[in-house]
Protein backbone atom coordinates (compact mmCIF):
# COMPACT_ATOMS: atom_id res chain seq x y z
CA UNK A 1 -5.12 -9.27 7.44
CA UNK A 2 -8.59 -9.36 8.95
CA UNK A 3 -11.95 -8.90 7.34
CA UNK A 4 -13.52 -5.53 8.19
CA UNK A 5 -16.39 -7.18 10.04
CA UNK A 6 -14.03 -9.01 12.40
CA UNK A 7 -14.11 -6.36 15.11
CA UNK A 8 -12.55 -6.69 18.53
CA UNK A 9 -14.86 -6.82 21.55
CA UNK A 10 -15.79 -3.31 22.64
CA UNK A 11 -15.13 -1.78 19.20
CA UNK A 12 -17.89 -0.24 17.12
CA UNK A 13 -19.70 -2.40 14.62
CA UNK A 14 -18.99 -2.41 10.90
CA UNK A 15 -20.68 0.26 8.80
CA UNK A 16 -22.50 -0.71 5.62
CA UNK A 17 -20.14 1.59 3.68
CA UNK A 18 -17.07 -0.29 4.93
CA UNK A 19 -18.69 -3.63 4.10
CA UNK A 20 -19.67 -2.50 0.60
CA UNK A 21 -16.21 -1.03 -0.07
CA UNK A 22 -14.60 -4.34 0.91
CA UNK A 23 -16.98 -6.42 -1.22
CA UNK A 24 -16.47 -4.08 -4.19
CA UNK A 25 -12.69 -4.48 -3.99
CA UNK A 26 -12.28 -8.23 -3.30
CA UNK A 27 -13.22 -11.42 -5.12
CA UNK A 28 -13.08 -15.06 -4.17
CA UNK A 29 -10.84 -17.19 -6.37
CA UNK A 30 -10.19 -20.90 -6.44
CA UNK A 31 -6.67 -21.93 -7.42
CA UNK A 32 -5.72 -25.25 -8.98
CA UNK A 33 -2.41 -26.89 -9.88
CA UNK A 34 -2.60 -29.75 -12.37
CA UNK A 35 -6.33 -30.09 -11.64
CA UNK A 36 -5.94 -30.30 -7.85
CA UNK A 37 -7.47 -27.43 -5.89
CA UNK A 38 -4.87 -25.66 -3.73
CA UNK A 39 -7.38 -23.45 -1.96
CA UNK A 40 -9.74 -20.51 -2.05
CA UNK A 41 -8.60 -16.96 -1.47
CA UNK A 42 -9.94 -13.43 -1.06
CA UNK A 43 -8.02 -11.40 -3.62
CA UNK A 44 -7.94 -7.62 -3.94
CA UNK A 45 -9.29 -6.65 -7.33
CA UNK A 46 -9.26 -3.44 -9.34
CA UNK A 47 -11.87 -4.79 -11.75
CA UNK A 48 -9.39 -6.74 -13.88
CA UNK A 49 -10.50 -10.27 -14.73
CA UNK A 50 -8.36 -12.45 -12.45
CA UNK A 51 -9.29 -15.75 -14.07
CA UNK A 52 -6.30 -17.36 -15.79
CA UNK A 53 -4.64 -20.55 -16.96
CA UNK A 54 -0.86 -20.59 -16.69
CA UNK A 55 1.44 -23.31 -18.00
CA UNK A 56 5.02 -23.34 -16.73
CA UNK A 57 8.06 -24.76 -18.53
CA UNK A 58 8.18 -27.64 -16.06
CA UNK A 59 4.71 -28.71 -17.27
CA UNK A 60 2.73 -27.50 -14.25
CA UNK A 61 -0.68 -26.11 -15.19
CA UNK A 62 -2.21 -23.51 -12.88
CA UNK A 63 -5.81 -22.40 -13.17
CA UNK A 64 -7.41 -19.51 -11.28
CA UNK A 65 -11.20 -19.34 -11.28
CA UNK A 66 -13.15 -16.35 -9.93
CA UNK A 67 -16.08 -17.66 -7.90
CA UNK A 68 -17.86 -14.67 -6.36
CA UNK A 69 -17.55 -12.90 -3.03
CA UNK A 70 -15.03 -14.02 -0.40
CA UNK A 71 -15.97 -15.76 2.81
CA UNK A 72 -14.24 -15.33 6.16
CA UNK A 73 -12.28 -18.59 5.89
CA UNK A 74 -10.51 -17.35 2.74
CA UNK A 75 -7.03 -15.89 3.32
CA UNK A 76 -6.86 -12.27 2.10
CA UNK A 77 -4.04 -11.44 -0.32
CA UNK A 78 -3.08 -9.43 -3.36
CA UNK A 79 -2.75 -10.98 -6.84
CA UNK A 80 1.04 -10.80 -6.46
CA UNK A 81 0.91 -12.64 -3.13
CA UNK A 82 -1.32 -15.29 -4.72
CA UNK A 83 1.17 -15.77 -7.57
CA UNK A 84 4.03 -16.17 -5.08
CA UNK A 85 1.94 -18.62 -3.03
CA UNK A 86 1.14 -20.73 -6.09
CA UNK A 87 4.74 -20.82 -7.28
CA UNK A 88 5.90 -22.16 -3.93
CA UNK A 89 3.31 -24.99 -3.85
């Protein structure tokens, strides 16, 4: 998935409404496993607090910290995709 401001050459520029809608519906999160940062991600958000600490039966501790607005180097994903990503790391 691309950020809305990543337009192809020759396409019209991003409108402020599109930019604001994206920023209002995405947050940047940092994800950690056992204290080691796995990465930063742009996560779709419906306003629910996405910060969490999760301990699995195998002893792995995951921590998700919301840290503001996404940047273009953050992969875009849903909370479910993030959970699947973390469980496979």
